[in-house]
Each structure stands twice: as structure tokens, then as C-alpha cells.
Amino acid sequence: MIGKNELRPVLVNDKGKNIKGFFHRFVYKLANYHSETHVLVELEDGKLRYFDPFYVQFSDRKNGSDKPNIDKCEKQENKKEETP
């Protein structure tokens, strides 16, 4: 069984109000012949609810860590491809 200390904390924007909770998993539902993605979140009061991924933000990351890591991106300029 997974304890809350093993789940990632999240903030959910629910109608303009930020709610704290814990991420459980992504859920894929089939609706009208297409797949919809939802996030299963356990709220602080213990209730489980589905949310649109757009409104769920992981809160265990340090500030600025969501920025792309430019150091790992290398530009491939000035490299010529050899043709066989």
C-alpha cells in the first residue's frame, strides 16, 4: 500500500481556488470515440476526484526547475552531413 509520503503533492486550481492534494495517477477515459485524460487526485480531506490535467500542478519541484535545461540542448549548427 502506498503512503502519502510516497505520493507527489499537487495544487489544483478548482474554480479559482487552489486546493492541495496528492497525485495518484493519470486516467484515460473513452468518450464519444476519443480518449480523454484526467488526473486522479486525493484531496486533503481524503476524497478522490478527477481533474483536467491543465488545472493540476505538481508542487514538489523547486522554483525554476520547470524551465528547460538549455545546457543539455546542443545546437547542431555548422555540422555537415556526409552523403554515402
N, C-alpha and C. Protein backbone atom coordinates (compact mmCIF):
# COMPACT_ATOMS: atom_id res chain seq x y z
N MET A 1 0.83 -1.18 0.00
CA MET A 1 0.00 0.00 0.00
C MET A 1 0.88 1.25 0.00
N ILE A 2 0.50 2.23 -0.77
CA ILE A 2 1.29 3.45 -0.91
C ILE A 2 0.84 4.45 0.15
N GLY A 3 1.80 5.01 0.88
CA GLY A 3 1.50 6.04 1.87
C GLY A 3 1.56 7.41 1.24
N LYS A 4 1.02 8.41 1.94
CA LYS A 4 1.01 9.76 1.40
C LYS A 4 2.40 10.32 1.20
N ASN A 5 3.38 9.83 1.98
CA ASN A 5 4.74 10.34 1.80
C ASN A 5 5.37 9.82 0.52
N GLU A 6 4.77 8.85 -0.14
CA GLU A 6 5.26 8.35 -1.42
C GLU A 6 4.53 8.97 -2.61
N LEU A 7 3.46 9.73 -2.37
CA LEU A 7 2.70 10.39 -3.43
C LEU A 7 3.21 11.81 -3.62
N ARG A 8 3.12 12.29 -4.85
CA ARG A 8 3.58 13.65 -5.15
C ARG A 8 2.51 14.66 -4.78
N PRO A 9 2.89 15.72 -4.06
CA PRO A 9 1.91 16.77 -3.73
C PRO A 9 1.58 17.61 -4.96
N VAL A 10 0.33 18.03 -5.04
CA VAL A 10 -0.12 18.85 -6.16
C VAL A 10 -0.97 20.01 -5.65
N LEU A 11 -1.08 21.03 -6.48
CA LEU A 11 -2.03 22.11 -6.28
C LEU A 11 -3.02 22.06 -7.43
N VAL A 12 -4.30 22.09 -7.11
CA VAL A 12 -5.34 22.04 -8.12
C VAL A 12 -6.09 23.37 -8.12
N ASN A 13 -6.21 23.98 -9.28
CA ASN A 13 -6.99 25.20 -9.42
C ASN A 13 -8.43 24.79 -9.72
N ASP A 14 -9.27 24.86 -8.71
CA ASP A 14 -10.67 24.46 -8.86
C ASP A 14 -11.55 25.70 -8.75
N LYS A 15 -11.96 26.23 -9.89
CA LYS A 15 -12.81 27.42 -9.97
C LYS A 15 -12.16 28.62 -9.28
N GLY A 16 -10.85 28.80 -9.53
CA GLY A 16 -10.14 29.94 -8.99
C GLY A 16 -9.59 29.74 -7.59
N LYS A 17 -9.89 28.63 -6.97
CA LYS A 17 -9.41 28.35 -5.62
C LYS A 17 -8.35 27.25 -5.68
N ASN A 18 -7.19 27.48 -5.05
CA ASN A 18 -6.13 26.48 -5.04
C ASN A 18 -6.38 25.47 -3.92
N ILE A 19 -6.40 24.20 -4.29
CA ILE A 19 -6.64 23.12 -3.35
C ILE A 19 -5.42 22.22 -3.33
N LYS A 20 -4.96 21.85 -2.13
CA LYS A 20 -3.83 20.94 -2.01
C LYS A 20 -4.31 19.50 -2.07
N GLY A 21 -3.49 18.66 -2.66
CA GLY A 21 -3.84 17.25 -2.75
C GLY A 21 -2.62 16.42 -3.08
N PHE A 22 -2.86 15.15 -3.40
CA PHE A 22 -1.79 14.21 -3.73
C PHE A 22 -2.13 13.50 -5.03
N PHE A 23 -1.16 13.48 -5.95
CA PHE A 23 -1.34 12.85 -7.25
C PHE A 23 -1.33 11.33 -7.08
N HIS A 24 -2.33 10.67 -7.67
CA HIS A 24 -2.36 9.21 -7.67
C HIS A 24 -1.95 8.65 -9.03
N ARG A 25 -2.65 9.09 -10.10
CA ARG A 25 -2.31 8.59 -11.42
C ARG A 25 -3.09 9.33 -12.50
N PHE A 26 -2.66 9.12 -13.73
CA PHE A 26 -3.42 9.60 -14.87
C PHE A 26 -4.44 8.54 -15.24
N VAL A 27 -5.63 8.98 -15.64
CA VAL A 27 -6.71 8.07 -16.01
C VAL A 27 -7.15 8.44 -17.42
N TYR A 28 -7.30 7.43 -18.26
CA TYR A 28 -7.71 7.65 -19.64
C TYR A 28 -9.11 7.08 -19.83
N LYS A 29 -10.05 7.96 -20.20
CA LYS A 29 -11.44 7.55 -20.38
C LYS A 29 -11.79 7.64 -21.86
N LEU A 30 -12.59 6.70 -22.32
CA LEU A 30 -13.08 6.74 -23.69
C LEU A 30 -14.45 7.42 -23.69
N ALA A 31 -14.56 8.52 -24.43
CA ALA A 31 -15.82 9.27 -24.50
C ALA A 31 -16.05 9.69 -25.95
N ASN A 32 -17.16 9.28 -26.51
CA ASN A 32 -17.52 9.64 -27.89
C ASN A 32 -16.40 9.31 -28.87
N TYR A 33 -15.86 8.13 -28.75
CA TYR A 33 -14.85 7.60 -29.66
C TYR A 33 -13.50 8.33 -29.61
N HIS A 34 -13.24 9.05 -28.54
CA HIS A 34 -11.90 9.62 -28.36
C HIS A 34 -11.51 9.50 -26.89
N SER A 35 -10.23 9.52 -26.65
CA SER A 35 -9.71 9.35 -25.29
C SER A 35 -9.56 10.70 -24.60
N GLU A 36 -9.98 10.75 -23.34
CA GLU A 36 -9.81 11.95 -22.52
C GLU A 36 -8.88 11.60 -21.36
N THR A 37 -7.96 12.49 -21.07
CA THR A 37 -7.03 12.28 -19.97
C THR A 37 -7.49 13.06 -18.76
N HIS A 38 -7.50 12.39 -17.61
CA HIS A 38 -7.85 13.02 -16.33
C HIS A 38 -6.77 12.67 -15.32
N VAL A 39 -6.72 13.44 -14.24
CA VAL A 39 -5.77 13.19 -13.16
C VAL A 39 -6.57 12.81 -11.93
N LEU A 40 -6.23 11.68 -11.33
CA LEU A 40 -6.87 11.25 -10.09
C LEU A 40 -6.08 11.85 -8.93
N VAL A 41 -6.74 12.71 -8.14
CA VAL A 41 -6.10 13.42 -7.05
C VAL A 41 -6.83 13.10 -5.75
N GLU A 42 -6.05 12.82 -4.71
CA GLU A 42 -6.61 12.66 -3.37
C GLU A 42 -6.50 14.01 -2.68
N LEU A 43 -7.65 14.59 -2.31
CA LEU A 43 -7.66 15.88 -1.64
C LEU A 43 -7.27 15.71 -0.18
N GLU A 44 -6.97 16.82 0.49
CA GLU A 44 -6.54 16.76 1.89
C GLU A 44 -7.58 16.13 2.80
N ASP A 45 -8.86 16.23 2.42
CA ASP A 45 -9.92 15.65 3.26
C ASP A 45 -10.13 14.16 2.97
N GLY A 46 -9.30 13.59 2.07
CA GLY A 46 -9.37 12.16 1.78
C GLY A 46 -10.23 11.79 0.60
N LYS A 47 -10.95 12.74 0.02
CA LYS A 47 -11.80 12.46 -1.14
C LYS A 47 -10.95 12.32 -2.39
N LEU A 48 -11.37 11.43 -3.28
CA LEU A 48 -10.72 11.26 -4.58
C LEU A 48 -11.55 11.96 -5.63
N ARG A 49 -10.89 12.74 -6.50
CA ARG A 49 -11.59 13.43 -7.57
C ARG A 49 -10.75 13.44 -8.82
N TYR A 50 -11.43 13.48 -9.96
CA TYR A 50 -10.77 13.62 -11.26
C TYR A 50 -10.69 15.10 -11.62
N PHE A 51 -9.56 15.49 -12.20
CA PHE A 51 -9.39 16.86 -12.67
C PHE A 51 -8.77 16.82 -14.06
N ASP A 52 -9.01 17.88 -14.82
CA ASP A 52 -8.35 18.06 -16.10
C ASP A 52 -6.88 18.35 -15.81
N PRO A 53 -5.95 17.74 -16.54
CA PRO A 53 -4.52 17.96 -16.28
C PRO A 53 -4.09 19.42 -16.34
N PHE A 54 -4.82 20.24 -17.09
CA PHE A 54 -4.48 21.66 -17.20
C PHE A 54 -4.53 22.36 -15.84
N TYR A 55 -5.39 21.90 -14.94
CA TYR A 55 -5.59 22.56 -13.65
C TYR A 55 -4.76 21.95 -12.52
N VAL A 56 -3.93 20.97 -12.81
CA VAL A 56 -3.14 20.29 -11.78
C VAL A 56 -1.67 20.65 -11.96
N GLN A 57 -1.04 21.09 -10.87
CA GLN A 57 0.37 21.46 -10.90
C GLN A 57 1.10 20.73 -9.77
N PHE A 58 2.18 20.05 -10.11
CA PHE A 58 2.99 19.39 -9.09
C PHE A 58 3.67 20.46 -8.26
N SER A 59 3.64 20.32 -6.94
CA SER A 59 4.20 21.35 -6.07
C SER A 59 5.48 20.93 -5.37
N ASP A 60 6.04 19.78 -5.74
CA ASP A 60 7.26 19.33 -5.09
C ASP A 60 8.53 19.74 -5.84
N ARG A 61 8.37 20.49 -6.89
CA ARG A 61 9.54 20.96 -7.65
C ARG A 61 10.02 22.27 -7.06
N LYS A 62 11.34 22.49 -7.12
CA LYS A 62 11.91 23.75 -6.67
C LYS A 62 11.60 24.83 -7.69
N ASN A 63 11.56 26.06 -7.25
CA ASN A 63 11.29 27.18 -8.16
C ASN A 63 12.32 27.23 -9.26
N GLY A 64 11.85 27.38 -10.48
CA GLY A 64 12.75 27.50 -11.61
C GLY A 64 13.14 26.19 -12.23
N SER A 65 12.82 25.06 -11.60
CA SER A 65 13.22 23.78 -12.16
C SER A 65 12.35 23.35 -13.32
N ASP A 66 11.23 24.06 -13.53
CA ASP A 66 10.37 23.70 -14.65
C ASP A 66 10.84 24.38 -15.95
N LYS A 67 11.89 25.17 -15.86
CA LYS A 67 12.43 25.80 -17.06
C LYS A 67 13.26 24.76 -17.82
N PRO A 68 13.28 24.84 -19.13
CA PRO A 68 14.07 23.87 -19.88
C PRO A 68 15.55 24.00 -19.57
N ASN A 69 16.23 22.90 -19.55
CA ASN A 69 17.65 22.87 -19.27
C ASN A 69 18.40 23.10 -20.57
N ILE A 70 18.87 24.33 -20.79
CA ILE A 70 19.49 24.69 -22.05
C ILE A 70 20.87 24.04 -22.18
N ASP A 71 21.50 23.75 -21.05
CA ASP A 71 22.84 23.16 -21.09
C ASP A 71 22.85 21.82 -21.81
N LYS A 72 21.78 21.06 -21.70
CA LYS A 72 21.73 19.74 -22.31
C LYS A 72 21.37 19.80 -23.79
N CYS A 73 20.85 20.94 -24.20
CA CYS A 73 20.47 21.09 -25.61
C CYS A 73 21.68 21.60 -26.38
N GLU A 74 22.09 20.86 -27.33
CA GLU A 74 23.22 21.26 -28.14
C GLU A 74 22.73 21.63 -29.53
N LYS A 75 23.20 22.75 -30.02
CA LYS A 75 22.84 23.15 -31.36
C LYS A 75 23.71 22.40 -32.35
N GLN A 76 23.10 21.95 -33.38
CA GLN A 76 23.80 21.16 -34.40
C GLN A 76 24.26 22.04 -35.56
N GLU A 77 24.54 23.30 -35.28
CA GLU A 77 24.97 24.20 -36.34
C GLU A 77 26.38 23.85 -36.81
N ASN A 78 26.66 24.23 -38.02
CA ASN A 78 27.99 24.06 -38.64
C ASN A 78 28.41 22.61 -38.78
N LYS A 79 27.50 21.67 -38.65
CA LYS A 79 27.83 20.28 -38.89
C LYS A 79 27.29 19.90 -40.26
N LYS A 80 28.17 19.36 -41.05
CA LYS A 80 27.76 18.94 -42.39
C LYS A 80 27.46 17.47 -42.39
N GLU A 81 26.39 17.12 -43.06
CA GLU A 81 26.06 15.70 -43.18
C GLU A 81 26.81 15.11 -44.36
N GLU A 82 27.36 13.97 -44.13
CA GLU A 82 28.07 13.29 -45.22
C GLU A 82 27.09 12.39 -45.96
N THR A 83 27.14 12.46 -47.26
CA THR A 83 26.30 11.58 -48.06
C THR A 83 27.09 10.36 -48.47
N PRO A 84 26.48 9.18 -48.43
CA PRO A 84 27.23 7.97 -48.79
C PRO A 84 27.49 7.87 -50.26
